[in-house]
């Protein structure tokens, strides 16, 4: 499997989530004002090649800005020098989601159209939640909305929104469309659908479908 495209409509977080869920092995290259390489083994992040260590590299991935991505399928993957994360890939996805720009999160999709509740049988897989995240999780034992969360916990709408977004990315939260009362689980499947939709959009726009799809 080889994929490539522009970073913008598709974010590094979506690409990483897709490769993780699909069990991919190979090297993801992010190119722009900076360069980052991420080695995947069977869907898990094995090595990060970047100038920064620790959480700063996850913040850079979250807010990479404009550029391009390219994933080269390789199995077995080569051994290369870099950072060996001491946390799970689910934890890395969580940290990237927590660091993502406020502009990326559409308020309408959180403040007016949906309510939220806990996903059934979610697994944290080594993810460490902060105090406010645990407070939100406790409230989600029953279906509720951003406004009620913010008022009950004394948080701003923006803070509540970002917490819910980060919890969605690791499958802890699902959403219910208010007007229809239909439960829509927001998990990896949703991220994959959006990711593939963006690939198709980019392919049509640039008229190079082979370069932006699966090989």
N, C-alpha and C. Protein backbone atom coordinates (compact mmCIF):
# COMPACT_ATOMS: atom_id res chain seq x y z
N UNK A 1 0.85 -1.19 0.00
CA UNK A 1 0.00 0.00 0.00
C UNK A 1 0.88 1.23 0.00
N UNK A 2 0.66 2.14 -0.94
CA UNK A 2 1.36 3.41 -0.97
C UNK A 2 0.35 4.52 -1.15
N UNK A 3 0.44 5.55 -0.33
CA UNK A 3 -0.50 6.68 -0.45
C UNK A 3 0.28 7.98 -0.34
N UNK A 4 -0.24 9.02 -0.97
CA UNK A 4 0.35 10.34 -0.84
C UNK A 4 -0.69 11.40 -1.09
N UNK A 5 -0.42 12.61 -0.62
CA UNK A 5 -1.37 13.70 -0.81
C UNK A 5 -0.87 14.96 -0.14
N UNK A 6 -1.72 15.98 -0.14
CA UNK A 6 -1.37 17.27 0.45
C UNK A 6 -1.90 17.34 1.89
N UNK A 7 -1.10 17.94 2.76
CA UNK A 7 -1.54 18.19 4.13
C UNK A 7 -2.31 19.50 4.14
N UNK A 8 -3.48 19.46 4.67
CA UNK A 8 -4.35 20.63 4.68
C UNK A 8 -5.77 20.13 4.88
N UNK A 9 -6.37 19.68 3.78
CA UNK A 9 -7.69 19.07 3.89
C UNK A 9 -7.58 17.74 4.61
N UNK A 10 -6.49 17.04 4.40
CA UNK A 10 -6.17 15.83 5.16
C UNK A 10 -5.08 16.19 6.16
N UNK A 11 -5.26 15.81 7.42
CA UNK A 11 -4.28 16.14 8.46
C UNK A 11 -3.39 14.94 8.77
N UNK A 12 -2.20 15.17 9.32
CA UNK A 12 -1.36 14.05 9.75
C UNK A 12 -2.07 13.13 10.74
N UNK A 13 -2.91 13.69 11.60
CA UNK A 13 -3.65 12.86 12.56
C UNK A 13 -4.52 11.84 11.84
N UNK A 14 -5.20 12.25 10.77
CA UNK A 14 -6.06 11.34 10.01
C UNK A 14 -5.24 10.26 9.32
N UNK A 15 -4.09 10.65 8.78
CA UNK A 15 -3.23 9.66 8.10
C UNK A 15 -2.72 8.64 9.11
N UNK A 16 -2.25 9.12 10.26
CA UNK A 16 -1.71 8.23 11.29
C UNK A 16 -2.80 7.28 11.80
N UNK A 17 -4.00 7.80 12.05
CA UNK A 17 -5.11 6.96 12.52
C UNK A 17 -5.45 5.88 11.50
N UNK A 18 -5.43 6.27 10.22
CA UNK A 18 -5.73 5.32 9.16
C UNK A 18 -4.68 4.20 9.10
N UNK A 19 -3.40 4.57 9.14
CA UNK A 19 -2.33 3.58 9.07
C UNK A 19 -2.35 2.67 10.30
N UNK A 20 -2.68 3.23 11.44
CA UNK A 20 -2.77 2.45 12.67
C UNK A 20 -3.89 1.42 12.57
N UNK A 21 -5.07 1.86 12.12
CA UNK A 21 -6.23 0.96 12.06
C UNK A 21 -6.10 -0.10 10.97
N UNK A 22 -5.32 0.22 9.93
CA UNK A 22 -5.16 -0.73 8.82
C UNK A 22 -3.99 -1.69 9.02
N UNK A 23 -3.26 -1.54 10.14
CA UNK A 23 -2.15 -2.45 10.43
C UNK A 23 -0.99 -2.33 9.46
N UNK A 24 -0.75 -1.12 8.97
CA UNK A 24 0.26 -0.90 7.93
C UNK A 24 1.69 -1.00 8.48
N UNK A 25 2.60 -1.40 7.61
CA UNK A 25 4.03 -1.40 7.91
C UNK A 25 4.75 -0.61 6.83
N UNK A 26 5.59 0.32 7.24
CA UNK A 26 6.32 1.15 6.28
C UNK A 26 6.70 2.47 6.90
N UNK A 27 7.02 3.44 6.05
CA UNK A 27 7.50 4.74 6.52
C UNK A 27 6.59 5.85 6.00
N UNK A 28 6.06 6.67 6.92
CA UNK A 28 5.28 7.85 6.57
C UNK A 28 6.19 9.06 6.63
N UNK A 29 6.28 9.79 5.52
CA UNK A 29 7.10 11.00 5.45
C UNK A 29 6.20 12.23 5.38
N UNK A 30 6.41 13.18 6.30
CA UNK A 30 5.71 14.46 6.28
C UNK A 30 6.72 15.52 5.85
N UNK A 31 6.40 16.25 4.78
CA UNK A 31 7.34 17.23 4.24
C UNK A 31 6.68 18.60 4.15
N UNK A 32 7.40 19.62 4.57
CA UNK A 32 6.91 20.99 4.50
C UNK A 32 7.98 21.92 5.02
N UNK A 33 7.62 22.80 5.95
CA UNK A 33 8.61 23.66 6.58
C UNK A 33 9.57 22.85 7.45
N UNK A 34 9.16 21.68 7.81
CA UNK A 34 10.00 20.75 8.54
C UNK A 34 9.80 19.36 7.96
N UNK A 35 10.61 18.42 8.34
CA UNK A 35 10.48 17.06 7.82
C UNK A 35 10.41 16.09 9.01
N UNK A 36 9.44 15.19 8.96
CA UNK A 36 9.27 14.17 10.00
C UNK A 36 9.00 12.83 9.32
N UNK A 37 9.66 11.80 9.79
CA UNK A 37 9.40 10.44 9.30
C UNK A 37 8.90 9.59 10.47
N UNK A 38 7.89 8.78 10.18
CA UNK A 38 7.30 7.92 11.20
C UNK A 38 7.29 6.49 10.68
N UNK A 39 7.93 5.60 11.41
CA UNK A 39 8.00 4.20 11.00
C UNK A 39 6.89 3.41 11.67
N UNK A 40 6.10 2.71 10.87
CA UNK A 40 5.01 1.88 11.37
C UNK A 40 5.37 0.40 11.22
N UNK A 41 5.07 -0.37 12.25
CA UNK A 41 5.18 -1.83 12.19
C UNK A 41 3.84 -2.42 12.60
N UNK A 42 3.17 -3.05 11.65
CA UNK A 42 1.86 -3.66 11.91
C UNK A 42 0.88 -2.66 12.55
N UNK A 43 0.91 -1.44 12.06
CA UNK A 43 -0.01 -0.42 12.53
C UNK A 43 0.45 0.38 13.73
N UNK A 44 1.48 -0.08 14.41
CA UNK A 44 1.99 0.62 15.58
C UNK A 44 3.17 1.51 15.21
N UNK A 45 3.28 2.66 15.86
CA UNK A 45 4.42 3.55 15.60
C UNK A 45 5.64 3.00 16.31
N UNK A 46 6.67 2.69 15.53
CA UNK A 46 7.89 2.09 16.05
C UNK A 46 8.99 3.13 16.27
N UNK A 47 9.12 4.08 15.33
CA UNK A 47 10.20 5.06 15.40
C UNK A 47 9.73 6.40 14.86
N UNK A 48 10.17 7.48 15.50
CA UNK A 48 9.91 8.84 15.04
C UNK A 48 11.25 9.49 14.71
N UNK A 49 11.35 10.01 13.50
CA UNK A 49 12.58 10.70 13.08
C UNK A 49 12.26 12.19 12.97
N UNK A 50 12.68 12.95 13.98
CA UNK A 50 12.39 14.38 14.01
C UNK A 50 13.48 15.08 14.82
N UNK A 51 13.49 16.40 14.75
CA UNK A 51 14.50 17.17 15.47
C UNK A 51 14.19 17.29 16.96
N UNK A 52 12.90 17.18 17.30
CA UNK A 52 12.50 17.35 18.69
C UNK A 52 12.11 16.00 19.30
N UNK A 53 12.18 15.96 20.62
CA UNK A 53 11.82 14.76 21.36
C UNK A 53 10.59 15.06 22.22
N UNK A 54 10.01 14.01 22.80
CA UNK A 54 8.92 14.18 23.74
C UNK A 54 7.67 14.75 23.11
N UNK A 55 6.87 15.46 23.94
CA UNK A 55 5.57 15.96 23.49
C UNK A 55 5.71 16.99 22.38
N UNK A 56 6.84 17.69 22.31
CA UNK A 56 6.99 18.74 21.30
C UNK A 56 6.86 18.19 19.88
N UNK A 57 7.32 16.96 19.67
CA UNK A 57 7.21 16.37 18.34
C UNK A 57 5.75 16.08 18.01
N UNK A 58 4.94 15.70 19.00
CA UNK A 58 3.53 15.43 18.76
C UNK A 58 2.78 16.73 18.47
N UNK A 59 3.19 17.80 19.12
CA UNK A 59 2.60 19.11 18.84
C UNK A 59 2.93 19.54 17.41
N UNK A 60 4.16 19.28 16.97
CA UNK A 60 4.55 19.63 15.60
C UNK A 60 3.76 18.83 14.57
N UNK A 61 3.54 17.56 14.86
CA UNK A 61 2.75 16.73 13.95
C UNK A 61 1.30 17.24 13.90
N UNK A 62 0.76 17.60 15.07
CA UNK A 62 -0.62 18.07 15.13
C UNK A 62 -0.84 19.33 14.32
N UNK A 63 0.14 20.23 14.35
CA UNK A 63 0.01 21.53 13.69
C UNK A 63 1.10 21.69 12.63
N UNK A 64 1.18 20.70 11.77
CA UNK A 64 2.26 20.63 10.78
C UNK A 64 2.18 21.77 9.77
N UNK A 65 1.00 22.28 9.51
CA UNK A 65 0.85 23.33 8.51
C UNK A 65 0.76 22.73 7.12
N UNK A 66 1.06 23.53 6.12
CA UNK A 66 0.97 23.04 4.73
C UNK A 66 2.16 22.14 4.41
N UNK A 67 1.96 21.27 3.45
CA UNK A 67 3.01 20.36 3.04
C UNK A 67 2.42 19.15 2.36
N UNK A 68 3.12 18.04 2.42
CA UNK A 68 2.65 16.82 1.77
C UNK A 68 3.00 15.62 2.64
N UNK A 69 2.31 14.52 2.38
CA UNK A 69 2.62 13.27 3.06
C UNK A 69 2.80 12.17 2.02
N UNK A 70 3.62 11.19 2.37
CA UNK A 70 3.84 10.03 1.50
C UNK A 70 4.11 8.83 2.38
N UNK A 71 3.36 7.76 2.15
CA UNK A 71 3.58 6.53 2.88
C UNK A 71 4.06 5.46 1.92
N UNK A 72 5.23 4.89 2.23
CA UNK A 72 5.80 3.81 1.43
C UNK A 72 5.66 2.51 2.21
N UNK A 73 4.95 1.57 1.64
CA UNK A 73 4.74 0.27 2.27
C UNK A 73 6.04 -0.52 2.24
N UNK A 74 6.51 -0.96 3.39
CA UNK A 74 7.71 -1.78 3.48
C UNK A 74 7.53 -2.81 4.58
N UNK A 75 7.70 -4.07 4.24
CA UNK A 75 7.58 -5.12 5.23
C UNK A 75 8.53 -6.27 4.86
N UNK A 76 9.57 -6.47 5.66
CA UNK A 76 9.86 -5.82 6.94
C UNK A 76 10.36 -4.39 6.75
N UNK A 77 10.14 -3.56 7.77
CA UNK A 77 10.60 -2.18 7.69
C UNK A 77 12.08 -2.12 8.08
N UNK A 78 12.83 -1.17 7.51
CA UNK A 78 14.25 -1.06 7.85
C UNK A 78 14.43 -0.49 9.25
N UNK A 79 15.53 -0.82 9.88
CA UNK A 79 15.88 -0.24 11.18
C UNK A 79 16.58 1.09 10.94
N UNK A 80 15.99 2.18 11.41
CA UNK A 80 16.58 3.49 11.22
C UNK A 80 16.69 4.20 12.57
N UNK A 81 17.64 5.14 12.65
CA UNK A 81 17.83 5.89 13.89
C UNK A 81 16.68 6.85 14.11
N UNK A 82 16.30 7.00 15.36
CA UNK A 82 15.22 7.92 15.68
C UNK A 82 14.72 7.70 17.09
N UNK A 83 13.61 8.34 17.41
CA UNK A 83 13.02 8.25 18.74
C UNK A 83 12.15 7.00 18.82
N UNK A 84 12.40 6.18 19.83
CA UNK A 84 11.56 5.01 20.07
C UNK A 84 10.54 5.38 21.15
N UNK A 85 9.29 5.60 20.77
CA UNK A 85 8.29 6.02 21.76
C UNK A 85 8.14 4.99 22.88
N UNK A 86 8.03 5.49 24.10
CA UNK A 86 7.82 4.58 25.24
C UNK A 86 6.35 4.55 25.65
N UNK A 87 5.48 4.98 24.73
CA UNK A 87 4.04 4.95 24.97
C UNK A 87 3.36 4.27 23.78
N UNK A 88 2.11 3.88 23.98
CA UNK A 88 1.38 3.17 22.92
C UNK A 88 1.02 4.12 21.77
N UNK A 89 0.72 3.54 20.61
CA UNK A 89 0.30 4.34 19.46
C UNK A 89 -1.01 5.07 19.78
N UNK A 90 -1.90 4.43 20.54
CA UNK A 90 -3.14 5.08 20.95
C UNK A 90 -2.83 6.33 21.79
N UNK A 91 -1.81 6.24 22.63
CA UNK A 91 -1.40 7.40 23.43
C UNK A 91 -0.85 8.51 22.55
N UNK A 92 -0.11 8.14 21.51
CA UNK A 92 0.45 9.13 20.59
C UNK A 92 -0.69 9.84 19.85
N UNK A 93 -1.67 9.08 19.37
CA UNK A 93 -2.83 9.67 18.70
C UNK A 93 -3.55 10.63 19.64
N UNK A 94 -3.67 10.24 20.89
CA UNK A 94 -4.31 11.09 21.91
C UNK A 94 -3.54 12.39 22.10
N UNK A 95 -2.21 12.32 22.20
CA UNK A 95 -1.39 13.51 22.40
C UNK A 95 -1.45 14.44 21.19
N UNK A 96 -1.44 13.86 19.99
CA UNK A 96 -1.56 14.69 18.78
C UNK A 96 -2.90 15.40 18.77
N UNK A 97 -3.98 14.67 19.12
CA UNK A 97 -5.32 15.26 19.14
C UNK A 97 -5.42 16.39 20.17
N UNK A 98 -4.77 16.22 21.33
CA UNK A 98 -4.81 17.24 22.36
C UNK A 98 -4.07 18.51 21.94
N UNK A 99 -3.10 18.36 21.05
CA UNK A 99 -2.28 19.50 20.62
C UNK A 99 -2.77 20.15 19.34
N UNK A 100 -3.82 19.62 18.74
CA UNK A 100 -4.25 20.12 17.44
C UNK A 100 -4.82 21.54 17.58
N UNK A 101 -4.68 22.32 16.53
CA UNK A 101 -5.12 23.71 16.54
C UNK A 101 -6.63 23.82 16.78
N UNK A 102 -7.02 24.88 17.52
CA UNK A 102 -8.45 25.12 17.77
C UNK A 102 -9.22 25.28 16.47
N UNK A 103 -8.58 25.83 15.45
CA UNK A 103 -9.26 26.10 14.18
C UNK A 103 -9.71 24.82 13.48
N UNK A 104 -9.06 23.71 13.79
CA UNK A 104 -9.38 22.45 13.11
C UNK A 104 -10.73 21.90 13.58
N UNK A 105 -11.14 22.24 14.81
CA UNK A 105 -12.34 21.66 15.40
C UNK A 105 -13.53 22.57 15.12
N UNK A 106 -14.46 22.08 14.32
CA UNK A 106 -15.63 22.86 13.93
C UNK A 106 -16.62 22.98 15.10
N UNK A 107 -16.82 24.19 15.65
CA UNK A 107 -17.72 24.35 16.81
C UNK A 107 -19.13 23.84 16.54
N UNK A 108 -19.63 24.01 15.31
CA UNK A 108 -21.00 23.59 15.00
C UNK A 108 -21.21 22.10 15.20
N UNK A 109 -20.17 21.31 14.98
CA UNK A 109 -20.28 19.87 15.12
C UNK A 109 -20.24 19.43 16.57
N UNK A 110 -19.92 20.35 17.46
CA UNK A 110 -19.82 20.01 18.88
C UNK A 110 -20.83 20.76 19.74
N UNK A 111 -21.11 22.01 19.41
CA UNK A 111 -21.92 22.85 20.29
C UNK A 111 -23.42 22.80 19.98
N UNK A 112 -23.79 22.47 18.77
CA UNK A 112 -25.20 22.60 18.39
C UNK A 112 -25.84 21.34 17.83
N UNK A 113 -25.07 20.49 17.16
CA UNK A 113 -25.67 19.39 16.42
C UNK A 113 -25.66 18.04 17.14
N UNK A 114 -24.79 17.90 18.15
CA UNK A 114 -24.61 16.58 18.75
C UNK A 114 -24.60 16.61 20.28
N UNK A 115 -24.99 15.50 20.85
CA UNK A 115 -24.74 15.19 22.25
C UNK A 115 -23.72 14.06 22.28
N UNK A 116 -23.20 13.76 23.48
CA UNK A 116 -22.10 12.80 23.57
C UNK A 116 -22.34 11.84 24.73
N UNK A 117 -21.79 10.63 24.55
CA UNK A 117 -21.84 9.63 25.61
C UNK A 117 -20.65 8.70 25.45
N UNK A 118 -20.38 7.90 26.47
CA UNK A 118 -19.25 6.98 26.41
C UNK A 118 -19.50 5.86 25.42
N UNK A 119 -18.45 5.47 24.70
CA UNK A 119 -18.54 4.28 23.85
C UNK A 119 -18.57 3.05 24.74
N UNK A 120 -19.21 2.01 24.25
CA UNK A 120 -19.27 0.78 25.02
C UNK A 120 -17.94 0.07 24.97
N UNK A 121 -17.47 -0.43 26.10
CA UNK A 121 -16.27 -1.27 26.18
C UNK A 121 -15.05 -0.59 25.54
N UNK A 122 -14.89 0.70 25.75
CA UNK A 122 -13.70 1.36 25.22
C UNK A 122 -12.46 0.88 25.99
N UNK A 123 -11.32 0.90 25.31
CA UNK A 123 -10.06 0.47 25.90
C UNK A 123 -9.06 1.62 25.79
N UNK A 124 -8.50 2.03 26.91
CA UNK A 124 -7.56 3.16 26.89
C UNK A 124 -6.20 2.75 26.34
N UNK A 125 -5.82 1.48 26.45
CA UNK A 125 -4.57 0.98 25.88
C UNK A 125 -3.37 1.85 26.29
N UNK A 126 -3.25 2.08 27.58
CA UNK A 126 -2.09 2.81 28.08
C UNK A 126 -2.21 4.32 28.02
N UNK A 127 -3.33 4.85 27.52
CA UNK A 127 -3.51 6.30 27.43
C UNK A 127 -3.68 6.89 28.84
N UNK A 128 -2.96 7.97 29.11
CA UNK A 128 -3.08 8.65 30.39
C UNK A 128 -3.96 9.89 30.22
N UNK A 129 -5.10 9.91 30.88
CA UNK A 129 -6.00 11.05 30.82
C UNK A 129 -5.66 12.04 31.93
N UNK A 130 -5.84 13.34 31.64
CA UNK A 130 -5.62 14.33 32.69
C UNK A 130 -6.89 14.48 33.53
N UNK A 131 -6.81 15.33 34.57
CA UNK A 131 -7.92 15.45 35.53
C UNK A 131 -9.22 15.87 34.84
N UNK A 132 -9.14 16.90 33.99
CA UNK A 132 -10.35 17.38 33.33
C UNK A 132 -10.93 16.34 32.38
N UNK A 133 -10.08 15.57 31.73
CA UNK A 133 -10.59 14.50 30.85
C UNK A 133 -11.35 13.46 31.66
N UNK A 134 -10.83 13.10 32.83
CA UNK A 134 -11.55 12.14 33.68
C UNK A 134 -12.86 12.72 34.17
N UNK A 135 -12.89 14.02 34.46
CA UNK A 135 -14.13 14.67 34.89
C UNK A 135 -15.18 14.62 33.78
N UNK A 136 -14.74 14.83 32.54
CA UNK A 136 -15.66 14.75 31.40
C UNK A 136 -16.14 13.32 31.22
N UNK A 137 -15.23 12.36 31.31
CA UNK A 137 -15.60 10.94 31.18
C UNK A 137 -16.67 10.58 32.21
N UNK A 138 -16.52 11.07 33.44
CA UNK A 138 -17.51 10.77 34.49
C UNK A 138 -18.88 11.32 34.13
N UNK A 139 -18.92 12.49 33.49
CA UNK A 139 -20.21 13.07 33.09
C UNK A 139 -20.86 12.31 31.95
N UNK A 140 -20.05 11.62 31.15
CA UNK A 140 -20.56 10.96 29.96
C UNK A 140 -21.15 9.57 30.23
N UNK A 141 -21.32 9.24 31.52
CA UNK A 141 -22.03 8.00 31.82
C UNK A 141 -23.48 8.10 31.36
N UNK A 142 -23.95 9.35 31.22
CA UNK A 142 -25.24 9.62 30.60
C UNK A 142 -25.04 10.59 29.44
N UNK A 143 -25.90 10.50 28.45
CA UNK A 143 -25.80 11.38 27.28
C UNK A 143 -25.93 12.84 27.71
N UNK A 144 -25.03 13.69 27.20
CA UNK A 144 -25.07 15.11 27.53
C UNK A 144 -24.46 15.93 26.41
N UNK A 145 -24.47 17.26 26.55
CA UNK A 145 -23.93 18.10 25.49
C UNK A 145 -22.81 19.00 26.02
N UNK A 146 -22.17 19.71 25.10
CA UNK A 146 -21.02 20.55 25.45
C UNK A 146 -21.40 21.61 26.47
N UNK A 147 -22.56 22.23 26.29
CA UNK A 147 -22.99 23.29 27.19
C UNK A 147 -23.14 22.79 28.62
N UNK A 148 -23.77 21.63 28.80
CA UNK A 148 -23.96 21.07 30.14
C UNK A 148 -22.63 20.67 30.76
N UNK A 149 -21.74 20.11 29.95
CA UNK A 149 -20.40 19.75 30.44
C UNK A 149 -19.67 20.99 30.94
N UNK A 150 -19.70 22.05 30.12
CA UNK A 150 -18.98 23.28 30.45
C UNK A 150 -19.50 23.91 31.73
N UNK A 151 -20.83 23.97 31.88
CA UNK A 151 -21.44 24.59 33.06
C UNK A 151 -21.15 23.76 34.31
N UNK A 152 -21.33 22.45 34.21
CA UNK A 152 -21.16 21.58 35.37
C UNK A 152 -19.71 21.55 35.86
N UNK A 153 -18.76 21.60 34.93
CA UNK A 153 -17.35 21.46 35.30
C UNK A 153 -16.60 22.79 35.36
N UNK A 154 -17.31 23.88 35.02
CA UNK A 154 -16.65 25.19 35.05
C UNK A 154 -15.58 25.34 33.99
N UNK A 155 -15.82 24.73 32.83
CA UNK A 155 -14.86 24.80 31.72
C UNK A 155 -15.42 25.70 30.62
N UNK A 156 -14.53 26.28 29.83
CA UNK A 156 -14.99 27.03 28.66
C UNK A 156 -15.50 26.04 27.61
N UNK A 157 -16.34 26.53 26.69
CA UNK A 157 -16.82 25.68 25.61
C UNK A 157 -15.64 25.15 24.79
N UNK A 158 -14.63 25.99 24.58
CA UNK A 158 -13.46 25.58 23.80
C UNK A 158 -12.73 24.43 24.47
N UNK A 159 -12.53 24.53 25.79
CA UNK A 159 -11.83 23.46 26.52
C UNK A 159 -12.63 22.17 26.47
N UNK A 160 -13.94 22.26 26.69
CA UNK A 160 -14.78 21.05 26.64
C UNK A 160 -14.76 20.42 25.26
N UNK A 161 -14.81 21.27 24.25
CA UNK A 161 -14.80 20.82 22.86
C UNK A 161 -13.51 20.06 22.55
N UNK A 162 -12.38 20.60 22.98
CA UNK A 162 -11.08 19.98 22.69
C UNK A 162 -10.94 18.65 23.43
N UNK A 163 -11.48 18.59 24.66
CA UNK A 163 -11.42 17.34 25.41
C UNK A 163 -12.25 16.26 24.72
N UNK A 164 -13.47 16.61 24.31
CA UNK A 164 -14.33 15.66 23.62
C UNK A 164 -13.66 15.20 22.32
N UNK A 165 -13.08 16.14 21.57
CA UNK A 165 -12.41 15.79 20.31
C UNK A 165 -11.30 14.78 20.55
N UNK A 166 -10.46 15.02 21.55
CA UNK A 166 -9.34 14.11 21.83
C UNK A 166 -9.85 12.73 22.26
N UNK A 167 -10.92 12.70 23.06
CA UNK A 167 -11.48 11.42 23.49
C UNK A 167 -12.12 10.66 22.33
N UNK A 168 -12.66 11.39 21.37
CA UNK A 168 -13.23 10.75 20.17
C UNK A 168 -12.17 9.99 19.38
N UNK A 169 -10.99 10.59 19.27
CA UNK A 169 -9.95 10.02 18.42
C UNK A 169 -9.44 8.67 18.92
N UNK A 170 -9.63 8.41 20.22
CA UNK A 170 -9.18 7.13 20.77
C UNK A 170 -10.37 6.23 21.12
N UNK A 171 -11.55 6.58 20.59
CA UNK A 171 -12.70 5.69 20.70
C UNK A 171 -13.39 5.67 22.05
N UNK A 172 -13.13 6.68 22.91
CA UNK A 172 -13.77 6.71 24.22
C UNK A 172 -15.19 7.26 24.14
N UNK A 173 -15.41 8.16 23.17
CA UNK A 173 -16.67 8.89 23.07
C UNK A 173 -17.39 8.57 21.76
N UNK A 174 -18.72 8.51 21.82
CA UNK A 174 -19.53 8.48 20.61
C UNK A 174 -20.53 9.63 20.69
N UNK A 175 -21.03 10.04 19.55
CA UNK A 175 -21.94 11.19 19.51
C UNK A 175 -23.32 10.79 19.03
N UNK A 176 -24.31 11.56 19.45
CA UNK A 176 -25.70 11.35 19.05
C UNK A 176 -26.20 12.63 18.42
N UNK A 177 -26.70 12.53 17.19
CA UNK A 177 -27.24 13.70 16.51
C UNK A 177 -28.52 14.13 17.21
N UNK A 178 -28.54 15.37 17.66
CA UNK A 178 -29.63 15.85 18.51
C UNK A 178 -30.98 15.80 17.81
N UNK A 179 -31.04 16.33 16.57
CA UNK A 179 -32.34 16.45 15.92
C UNK A 179 -32.95 15.11 15.53
N UNK A 180 -32.11 14.11 15.28
CA UNK A 180 -32.64 12.83 14.83
C UNK A 180 -32.63 11.78 15.94
N UNK A 181 -31.79 12.02 16.96
CA UNK A 181 -31.68 11.04 18.03
C UNK A 181 -31.01 9.75 17.59
N UNK A 182 -30.20 9.86 16.53
CA UNK A 182 -29.53 8.68 15.99
C UNK A 182 -28.10 8.65 16.50
N UNK A 183 -27.71 7.52 17.09
CA UNK A 183 -26.35 7.41 17.60
C UNK A 183 -25.38 7.20 16.45
N UNK A 184 -24.34 8.03 16.41
CA UNK A 184 -23.29 7.90 15.40
C UNK A 184 -21.97 7.69 16.13
N UNK A 185 -21.45 6.50 16.11
CA UNK A 185 -20.18 6.24 16.78
C UNK A 185 -19.06 6.93 16.03
N UNK A 186 -18.31 7.76 16.75
CA UNK A 186 -17.19 8.45 16.13
C UNK A 186 -15.94 7.72 16.57
N UNK A 187 -15.43 6.89 15.71
CA UNK A 187 -14.26 6.10 16.04
C UNK A 187 -13.35 6.03 14.83
N UNK A 188 -12.48 5.03 14.80
CA UNK A 188 -11.53 4.93 13.71
C UNK A 188 -12.22 4.78 12.37
N UNK A 189 -13.38 4.11 12.33
CA UNK A 189 -14.08 3.93 11.06
C UNK A 189 -14.48 5.27 10.47
N UNK A 190 -14.93 6.19 11.34
CA UNK A 190 -15.28 7.52 10.86
C UNK A 190 -14.08 8.27 10.33
N UNK A 191 -12.95 8.13 11.02
CA UNK A 191 -11.73 8.80 10.57
C UNK A 191 -11.27 8.25 9.22
N UNK A 192 -11.39 6.92 9.06
CA UNK A 192 -10.98 6.30 7.80
C UNK A 192 -11.86 6.79 6.66
N UNK A 193 -13.19 6.86 6.91
CA UNK A 193 -14.11 7.32 5.86
C UNK A 193 -13.77 8.74 5.43
N UNK A 194 -13.49 9.62 6.40
CA UNK A 194 -13.15 11.00 6.08
C UNK A 194 -11.83 11.05 5.33
N UNK A 195 -10.86 10.26 5.79
CA UNK A 195 -9.54 10.22 5.16
C UNK A 195 -9.64 9.78 3.70
N UNK A 196 -10.39 8.71 3.44
CA UNK A 196 -10.54 8.22 2.08
C UNK A 196 -11.30 9.21 1.21
N UNK A 197 -12.28 9.91 1.81
CA UNK A 197 -13.02 10.94 1.08
C UNK A 197 -12.11 12.06 0.65
N UNK A 198 -11.18 12.46 1.53
CA UNK A 198 -10.23 13.52 1.19
C UNK A 198 -9.27 13.06 0.10
N UNK A 199 -8.88 11.80 0.13
CA UNK A 199 -8.02 11.26 -0.94
C UNK A 199 -8.71 11.39 -2.29
N UNK A 200 -10.00 11.03 -2.32
CA UNK A 200 -10.76 11.09 -3.56
C UNK A 200 -10.90 12.54 -4.04
N UNK A 201 -11.13 13.45 -3.08
CA UNK A 201 -11.26 14.87 -3.43
C UNK A 201 -9.96 15.40 -4.03
N UNK A 202 -8.83 15.06 -3.39
CA UNK A 202 -7.53 15.53 -3.88
C UNK A 202 -7.24 14.97 -5.26
N UNK A 203 -7.62 13.70 -5.46
CA UNK A 203 -7.36 13.06 -6.74
C UNK A 203 -8.12 13.75 -7.86
N UNK A 204 -9.38 14.09 -7.59
CA UNK A 204 -10.18 14.76 -8.60
C UNK A 204 -9.67 16.17 -8.87
N UNK A 205 -9.25 16.85 -7.80
CA UNK A 205 -8.80 18.24 -7.96
C UNK A 205 -7.50 18.33 -8.74
N UNK A 206 -6.58 17.41 -8.49
CA UNK A 206 -5.28 17.46 -9.14
C UNK A 206 -5.21 16.59 -10.40
N UNK A 207 -6.29 15.83 -10.62
CA UNK A 207 -6.38 14.95 -11.80
C UNK A 207 -5.20 13.97 -11.87
N UNK A 208 -4.81 13.49 -10.70
CA UNK A 208 -3.77 12.48 -10.64
C UNK A 208 -4.20 11.40 -9.66
N UNK A 209 -5.24 10.67 -9.98
CA UNK A 209 -5.80 9.72 -9.02
C UNK A 209 -4.84 8.64 -8.57
N UNK A 210 -3.91 8.24 -9.45
CA UNK A 210 -3.00 7.17 -9.06
C UNK A 210 -2.04 7.62 -7.97
N UNK A 211 -1.68 8.88 -7.99
CA UNK A 211 -0.72 9.38 -7.00
C UNK A 211 -1.38 9.60 -5.65
N UNK A 212 -2.70 9.77 -5.64
CA UNK A 212 -3.37 10.11 -4.40
C UNK A 212 -4.21 8.97 -3.86
N UNK A 213 -4.15 7.82 -4.48
CA UNK A 213 -4.93 6.69 -4.01
C UNK A 213 -4.03 5.55 -3.64
N UNK A 214 -4.60 4.39 -3.55
CA UNK A 214 -3.81 3.23 -3.21
C UNK A 214 -3.11 2.68 -4.44
N UNK A 215 -1.92 2.21 -4.25
CA UNK A 215 -1.15 1.59 -5.34
C UNK A 215 -1.10 0.08 -5.13
